[in-house]
Amino acid sequence: MSQQTSSQPLPQQPLVPAHTTGESGLVIPYGEAGDLPVLSLYEDFRCPYCAALEQTSGQVVRGFADAGRLRLEYHFAAFLDGMLGGRGSATALSAAGAAVNESQADFKTLHEALYAQQPDESVDSYGDPAVLLRVAESAGLTAPAFREAVTSGTYAPWAASVAEAFGRSGVRGTPTVRLGDVSIHGFDRTGRPLPATEVGNQIEAALAQ
């Protein structure tokens, strides 16, 4: 029995950066592979609280991964683009895809630089690839393949899929940090960042459970 075939082309799957993980490569890991506890971080590159957390406690958090005690897994949103207008969250996420395609270390370098130089959330500077490349260059990321991927938006479709996955995650705000089922709090009740030592102590306690 014959079947009618559609003449419509099949949808093209997004190009997935190397060194990603999770279903369809929508999660960016940092740290050793293998059977390690996972610290999940949910962020948006335009989120000022994400920047505050990174600037206050980022090195302590990274230290746990660098010591092989856990692995970081980043889940990114782009909902601030919809709330504020523009495309900075998504374009920065696409640049993060270009960085992790080079290496996890390059991703983490760009991740830290983007938060260190983050504009006010109402300003859509990160929607301009030229701005992202200047931030990357200031951090030493100048590989031609990386620059070309940022300029051409190679990983923009992948970034859109990452943001859609965040929307399905059930997480409603950024930053959200979890070690298994344990929430790690980065701010006090007034919204001020907690000292890095307190964040580290929470992670230590969660690892001990």
C-alpha atoms as a PDB file:
ATOM      1  CA  MET A   1       0.000   0.000   0.000  1.00  0.00           C
ATOM      2  CA  SER A   2       1.436   3.343  -0.978  1.00  0.00           C
ATOM      3  CA  GLN A   3       1.417   6.366   1.273  1.00  0.00           C
ATOM      4  CA  GLN A   4       1.306   9.983   0.332  1.00  0.00           C
ATOM      5  CA  THR A   5       4.546  11.754   1.219  1.00  0.00           C
ATOM      6  CA  SER A   6       4.716  15.379   2.143  1.00  0.00           C
ATOM      7  CA  SER A   7       6.696  17.741  -0.071  1.00  0.00           C
ATOM      8  CA  GLN A   8       7.336  19.999   2.917  1.00  0.00           C
ATOM      9  CA  PRO A   9      10.945  19.910   4.123  1.00  0.00           C
ATOM     10  CA  LEU A  10      11.568  18.503   7.563  1.00  0.00           C
ATOM     11  CA  PRO A  11      12.272  21.151  10.215  1.00  0.00           C
ATOM     12  CA  GLN A  12      15.998  21.706  10.682  1.00  0.00           C
ATOM     13  CA  GLN A  13      17.307  20.952  14.135  1.00  0.00           C
ATOM     14  CA  PRO A  14      19.318  23.715  15.835  1.00  0.00           C
ATOM     15  CA  LEU A  15      23.075  23.335  15.723  1.00  0.00           C
ATOM     16  CA  VAL A  16      24.055  22.240  19.231  1.00  0.00           C
ATOM     17  CA  PRO A  17      27.318  23.559  20.690  1.00  0.00           C
ATOM     18  CA  ALA A  18      29.951  21.063  21.741  1.00  0.00           C
ATOM     19  CA  HIS A  19      30.475  20.400  25.461  1.00  0.00           C
ATOM     20  CA  THR A  20      26.792  20.832  26.349  1.00  0.00           C
ATOM     21  CA  THR A  21      24.651  18.240  28.110  1.00  0.00           C
ATOM     22  CA  GLY A  22      21.061  17.340  28.892  1.00  0.00           C
ATOM     23  CA  GLU A  23      18.282  16.623  26.444  1.00  0.00           C
ATOM     24  CA  SER A  24      19.198  18.096  23.041  1.00  0.00           C
ATOM     25  CA  GLY A  25      22.249  19.747  24.578  1.00  0.00           C
ATOM     26  CA  LEU A  26      20.226  22.501  26.246  1.00  0.00           C
ATOM     27  CA  VAL A  27      22.260  22.611  29.478  1.00  0.00           C
ATOM     28  CA  ILE A  28      25.732  24.114  29.822  1.00  0.00           C
ATOM     29  CA  PRO A  29      27.908  22.206  32.303  1.00  0.00           C
ATOM     30  CA  TYR A  30      31.037  23.345  34.041  1.00  0.00           C
ATOM     31  CA  GLY A  31      33.228  20.899  35.912  1.00  0.00           C
ATOM     32  CA  GLU A  32      34.182  17.271  35.764  1.00  0.00           C
ATOM     33  CA  ALA A  33      31.910  14.713  34.160  1.00  0.00           C
ATOM     34  CA  GLY A  34      30.903  11.607  36.047  1.00  0.00           C
ATOM     35  CA  ASP A  35      28.934  10.791  39.140  1.00  0.00           C
ATOM     36  CA  LEU A  36      29.098  14.100  40.994  1.00  0.00           C
ATOM     37  CA  PRO A  37      26.457  16.152  42.810  1.00  0.00           C
ATOM     38  CA  VAL A  38      24.960  18.736  40.466  1.00  0.00           C
ATOM     39  CA  LEU A  39      24.458  22.365  41.382  1.00  0.00           C
ATOM     40  CA  SER A  40      21.790  23.672  38.995  1.00  0.00           C
ATOM     41  CA  LEU A  41      21.773  27.401  38.263  1.00  0.00           C
ATOM     42  CA  TYR A  42      18.908  29.139  36.472  1.00  0.00           C
ATOM     43  CA  GLU A  43      19.858  32.528  35.064  1.00  0.00           C
ATOM     44  CA  ASP A  44      19.120  35.257  32.528  1.00  0.00           C
ATOM     45  CA  PHE A  45      22.018  37.315  31.182  1.00  0.00           C
ATOM     46  CA  ARG A  46      20.031  40.560  31.602  1.00  0.00           C
ATOM     47  CA  CYS A  47      19.080  39.756  35.207  1.00  0.00           C
ATOM     48  CA  PRO A  48      20.783  42.147  37.660  1.00  0.00           C
ATOM     49  CA  TYR A  49      20.303  39.716  40.546  1.00  0.00           C
ATOM     50  CA  CYS A  50      22.152  37.053  38.549  1.00  0.00           C
ATOM     51  CA  ALA A  51      25.003  39.512  38.112  1.00  0.00           C
ATOM     52  CA  ALA A  52      24.972  40.346  41.821  1.00  0.00           C
ATOM     53  CA  LEU A  53      25.114  36.675  42.759  1.00  0.00           C
ATOM     54  CA  GLU A  54      27.962  35.998  40.352  1.00  0.00           C
ATOM     55  CA  GLN A  55      29.958  39.002  41.492  1.00  0.00           C
ATOM     56  CA  THR A  56      29.453  38.176  45.179  1.00  0.00           C
ATOM     57  CA  SER A  57      29.641  34.384  45.304  1.00  0.00           C
ATOM     58  CA  GLY A  58      30.618  33.247  41.836  1.00  0.00           C
ATOM     59  CA  GLN A  59      34.210  32.399  42.698  1.00  0.00           C
ATOM     60  CA  VAL A  60      33.166  30.383  45.750  1.00  0.00           C
ATOM     61  CA  VAL A  61      30.622  28.459  43.680  1.00  0.00           C
ATOM     62  CA  ARG A  62      33.163  27.884  40.919  1.00  0.00           C
ATOM     63  CA  GLY A  63      35.656  26.670  43.501  1.00  0.00           C
ATOM     64  CA  PHE A  64      33.485  23.701  44.394  1.00  0.00           C
ATOM     65  CA  ALA A  65      33.474  22.645  40.739  1.00  0.00           C
ATOM     66  CA  ASP A  66      37.179  23.303  40.217  1.00  0.00           C
ATOM     67  CA  ALA A  67      37.890  21.117  43.262  1.00  0.00           C
ATOM     68  CA  GLY A  68      35.866  18.260  41.751  1.00  0.00           C
ATOM     69  CA  ARG A  69      33.283  18.292  44.512  1.00  0.00           C
ATOM     70  CA  LEU A  70      30.309  18.995  42.264  1.00  0.00           C
ATOM     71  CA  ARG A  71      29.393  19.961  38.710  1.00  0.00           C
ATOM     72  CA  LEU A  72      27.671  23.188  37.746  1.00  0.00           C
ATOM     73  CA  GLU A  73      24.824  22.969  35.239  1.00  0.00           C
ATOM     74  CA  TYR A  74      23.456  26.203  33.805  1.00  0.00           C
ATOM     75  CA  HIS A  75      19.901  26.624  32.525  1.00  0.00           C
ATOM     76  CA  PHE A  76      19.283  29.956  30.826  1.00  0.00           C
ATOM     77  CA  ALA A  77      16.165  32.036  30.315  1.00  0.00           C
ATOM     78  CA  ALA A  78      15.471  34.947  27.996  1.00  0.00           C
ATOM     79  CA  PHE A  79      12.193  36.156  29.494  1.00  0.00           C
ATOM     80  CA  LEU A  80      13.565  39.628  30.249  1.00  0.00           C
ATOM     81  CA  ASP A  81      13.668  40.278  26.507  1.00  0.00           C
ATOM     82  CA  GLY A  82       9.914  39.847  26.448  1.00  0.00           C
ATOM     83  CA  MET A  83       9.358  41.905  29.583  1.00  0.00           C
ATOM     84  CA  LEU A  84      11.714  44.762  28.741  1.00  0.00           C
ATOM     85  CA  GLY A  85      11.933  44.638  24.962  1.00  0.00           C
ATOM     86  CA  GLY A  86      14.983  43.839  22.917  1.00  0.00           C
ATOM     87  CA  ARG A  87      17.000  40.683  22.468  1.00  0.00           C
ATOM     88  CA  GLY A  88      19.965  41.004  24.809  1.00  0.00           C
ATOM     89  CA  SER A  89      19.199  37.892  26.856  1.00  0.00           C
ATOM     90  CA  ALA A  90      18.872  35.702  23.775  1.00  0.00           C
ATOM     91  CA  THR A  91      21.848  37.165  21.923  1.00  0.00           C
ATOM     92  CA  ALA A  92      24.097  36.850  24.955  1.00  0.00           C
ATOM     93  CA  LEU A  93      22.925  33.252  25.349  1.00  0.00           C
ATOM     94  CA  SER A  94      23.786  32.593  21.707  1.00  0.00           C
ATOM     95  CA  ALA A  95      27.276  33.989  22.403  1.00  0.00           C
ATOM     96  CA  ALA A  96      27.522  31.662  25.415  1.00  0.00           C
ATOM     97  CA  GLY A  97      26.788  28.805  23.029  1.00  0.00           C
ATOM     98  CA  ALA A  98      29.646  29.944  20.808  1.00  0.00           C
ATOM     99  CA  ALA A  99      31.933  30.059  23.853  1.00  0.00           C
ATOM    100  CA  VAL A 100      31.050  26.608  25.195  1.00  0.00           C
ATOM    101  CA  ASN A 101      31.520  25.213  21.695  1.00  0.00           C
ATOM    102  CA  GLU A 102      35.166  26.185  22.171  1.00  0.00           C
ATOM    103  CA  SER A 103      35.422  24.827  25.729  1.00  0.00           C
ATOM    104  CA  GLN A 104      33.766  24.849  29.139  1.00  0.00           C
ATOM    105  CA  ALA A 105      36.540  27.135  30.350  1.00  0.00           C
ATOM    106  CA  ASP A 106      35.790  29.658  27.588  1.00  0.00           C
ATOM    107  CA  PHE A 107      32.117  29.581  28.520  1.00  0.00           C
ATOM    108  CA  LYS A 108      32.888  30.281  32.150  1.00  0.00           C
ATOM    109  CA  THR A 109      35.227  33.111  31.182  1.00  0.00           C
ATOM    110  CA  LEU A 110      32.507  34.719  29.056  1.00  0.00           C
ATOM    111  CA  HIS A 111      29.852  34.033  31.694  1.00  0.00           C
ATOM    112  CA  GLU A 112      31.850  35.909  34.307  1.00  0.00           C
ATOM    113  CA  ALA A 113      32.703  38.766  31.936  1.00  0.00           C
ATOM    114  CA  LEU A 114      29.086  39.252  30.834  1.00  0.00           C
ATOM    115  CA  TYR A 115      27.943  39.660  34.416  1.00  0.00           C
ATOM    116  CA  ALA A 116      30.927  41.834  35.362  1.00  0.00           C
ATOM    117  CA  GLN A 117      30.131  44.246  32.514  1.00  0.00           C
ATOM    118  CA  GLN A 118      26.347  43.843  32.489  1.00  0.00           C
ATOM    119  CA  PRO A 119      24.477  47.017  31.482  1.00  0.00           C
ATOM    120  CA  ASP A 120      21.343  48.144  33.270  1.00  0.00           C
ATOM    121  CA  GLU A 121      18.582  45.628  32.535  1.00  0.00           C
ATOM    122  CA  SER A 122      16.576  48.341  30.732  1.00  0.00           C
ATOM    123  CA  VAL A 123      19.423  48.852  28.241  1.00  0.00           C
ATOM    124  CA  ASP A 124      19.608  46.286  25.461  1.00  0.00           C
ATOM    125  CA  SER A 125      23.354  46.562  24.783  1.00  0.00           C
ATOM    126  CA  TYR A 126      23.798  42.807  24.742  1.00  0.00           C
ATOM    127  CA  GLY A 127      21.457  42.633  21.787  1.00  0.00           C
ATOM    128  CA  ASP A 128      24.368  43.903  19.684  1.00  0.00           C
ATOM    129  CA  PRO A 129      26.902  41.176  18.794  1.00  0.00           C
ATOM    130  CA  ALA A 130      29.617  43.836  18.488  1.00  0.00           C
ATOM    131  CA  VAL A 131      29.152  44.687  22.170  1.00  0.00           C
ATOM    132  CA  LEU A 132      29.335  41.014  23.118  1.00  0.00           C
ATOM    133  CA  LEU A 133      32.542  40.622  21.147  1.00  0.00           C
ATOM    134  CA  ARG A 134      34.080  43.589  22.959  1.00  0.00           C
ATOM    135  CA  VAL A 135      33.172  42.009  26.295  1.00  0.00           C
ATOM    136  CA  ALA A 136      34.624  38.696  25.131  1.00  0.00           C
ATOM    137  CA  GLU A 137      37.799  40.330  23.858  1.00  0.00           C
ATOM    138  CA  SER A 138      38.302  42.077  27.184  1.00  0.00           C
ATOM    139  CA  ALA A 139      38.309  38.610  28.771  1.00  0.00           C
ATOM    140  CA  GLY A 140      40.750  37.186  26.219  1.00  0.00           C
ATOM    141  CA  LEU A 141      38.256  35.336  23.995  1.00  0.00           C
ATOM    142  CA  THR A 142      39.359  36.102  20.456  1.00  0.00           C
ATOM    143  CA  ALA A 143      39.273  32.775  18.578  1.00  0.00           C
ATOM    144  CA  PRO A 144      38.150  33.376  14.967  1.00  0.00           C
ATOM    145  CA  ALA A 145      35.567  30.556  15.078  1.00  0.00           C
ATOM    146  CA  PHE A 146      34.057  32.012  18.244  1.00  0.00           C
ATOM    147  CA  ARG A 147      33.907  35.511  16.780  1.00  0.00           C
ATOM    148  CA  GLU A 148      32.311  34.263  13.572  1.00  0.00           C
ATOM    149  CA  ALA A 149      29.668  32.273  15.494  1.00  0.00           C
ATOM    150  CA  VAL A 150      28.750  35.334  17.584  1.00  0.00           C
ATOM    151  CA  THR A 151      28.617  37.652  14.566  1.00  0.00           C
ATOM    152  CA  SER A 152      26.533  35.288  12.438  1.00  0.00           C
ATOM    153  CA  GLY A 153      24.255  34.096  15.241  1.00  0.00           C
ATOM    154  CA  THR A 154      25.201  30.470  14.629  1.00  0.00           C
ATOM    155  CA  TYR A 155      23.702  29.346  17.925  1.00  0.00           C
ATOM    156  CA  ALA A 156      20.653  31.629  17.986  1.00  0.00           C
ATOM    157  CA  PRO A 157      18.214  28.755  17.222  1.00  0.00           C
ATOM    158  CA  TRP A 158      19.838  26.681  19.974  1.00  0.00           C
ATOM    159  CA  ALA A 159      19.559  29.642  22.377  1.00  0.00           C
ATOM    160  CA  ALA A 160      15.842  29.877  21.590  1.00  0.00           C
ATOM    161  CA  SER A 161      15.456  26.194  22.442  1.00  0.00           C
ATOM    162  CA  VAL A 162      17.368  26.671  25.708  1.00  0.00           C
ATOM    163  CA  ALA A 163      15.049  29.537  26.670  1.00  0.00           C
ATOM    164  CA  GLU A 164      11.979  27.458  25.788  1.00  0.00           C
ATOM    165  CA  ALA A 165      13.258  24.640  27.997  1.00  0.00           C
ATOM    166  CA  PHE A 166      13.592  27.109  30.872  1.00  0.00           C
ATOM    167  CA  GLY A 167       9.942  28.015  30.377  1.00  0.00           C
ATOM    168  CA  ARG A 168       9.002  24.350  30.804  1.00  0.00           C
ATOM    169  CA  SER A 169      11.207  23.855  33.864  1.00  0.00           C
ATOM    170  CA  GLY A 170       8.764  25.205  36.421  1.00  0.00           C
ATOM    171  CA  VAL A 171      11.334  27.725  37.647  1.00  0.00           C
ATOM    172  CA  ARG A 172       9.732  31.129  37.856  1.00  0.00           C
ATOM    173  CA  GLY A 173      12.565  33.465  38.699  1.00  0.00           C
ATOM    174  CA  THR A 174      16.269  34.088  38.291  1.00  0.00           C
ATOM    175  CA  PRO A 175      18.640  33.408  39.814  1.00  0.00           C
ATOM    176  CA  THR A 176      17.507  30.064  41.198  1.00  0.00           C
ATOM    177  CA  VAL A 177      20.169  27.740  42.579  1.00  0.00           C
ATOM    178  CA  ARG A 178      19.567  24.150  43.681  1.00  0.00           C
ATOM    179  CA  LEU A 179      21.740  21.278  44.811  1.00  0.00           C
ATOM    180  CA  GLY A 180      19.453  18.330  44.235  1.00  0.00           C
ATOM    181  CA  ASP A 181      16.271  19.208  46.094  1.00  0.00           C
ATOM    182  CA  VAL A 182      17.983  21.788  48.317  1.00  0.00           C
ATOM    183  CA  SER A 183      17.591  25.465  47.459  1.00  0.00           C
ATOM    184  CA  ILE A 184      20.718  27.573  47.857  1.00  0.00           C
ATOM    185  CA  HIS A 185      19.866  31.138  48.808  1.00  0.00           C
ATOM    186  CA  GLY A 186      22.017  33.975  47.535  1.00  0.00           C
ATOM    187  CA  PHE A 187      20.095  36.906  49.013  1.00  0.00           C
ATOM    188  CA  ASP A 188      18.658  37.969  52.338  1.00  0.00           C
ATOM    189  CA  ARG A 189      15.041  38.975  52.862  1.00  0.00           C
ATOM    190  CA  THR A 190      15.758  42.547  51.782  1.00  0.00           C
ATOM    191  CA  GLY A 191      17.266  41.431  48.477  1.00  0.00           C
ATOM    192  CA  ARG A 192      20.865  42.059  49.458  1.00  0.00           C
ATOM    193  CA  PRO A 193      23.440  39.470  48.345  1.00  0.00           C
ATOM    194  CA  LEU A 194      24.575  37.182  51.129  1.00  0.00           C
ATOM    195  CA  PRO A 195      28.310  37.012  51.823  1.00  0.00           C
ATOM    196  CA  ALA A 196      30.109  34.400  49.768  1.00  0.00           C
ATOM    197  CA  THR A 197      30.993  32.468  52.925  1.00  0.00           C
ATOM    198  CA  GLU A 198      27.302  32.026  53.767  1.00  0.00           C
ATOM    199  CA  VAL A 199      26.542  30.756  50.267  1.00  0.00           C
ATOM    200  CA  GLY A 200      29.489  28.387  50.543  1.00  0.00           C
ATOM    201  CA  ASN A 201      28.271  27.142  53.898  1.00  0.00           C
ATOM    202  CA  GLN A 202      24.857  26.369  52.410  1.00  0.00           C
ATOM    203  CA  ILE A 203      26.498  24.336  49.657  1.00  0.00           C
ATOM    204  CA  GLU A 204      28.660  22.505  52.185  1.00  0.00           C
ATOM    205  CA  ALA A 205      25.581  21.642  54.254  1.00  0.00           C
ATOM    206  CA  ALA A 206      23.707  20.410  51.176  1.00  0.00           C
ATOM    207  CA  LEU A 207      26.667  18.244  50.129  1.00  0.00           C
ATOM    208  CA  ALA A 208      26.729  16.708  53.616  1.00  0.00           C
ATOM    209  CA  GLN A 209      23.106  15.575  53.464  1.00  0.00           C
END
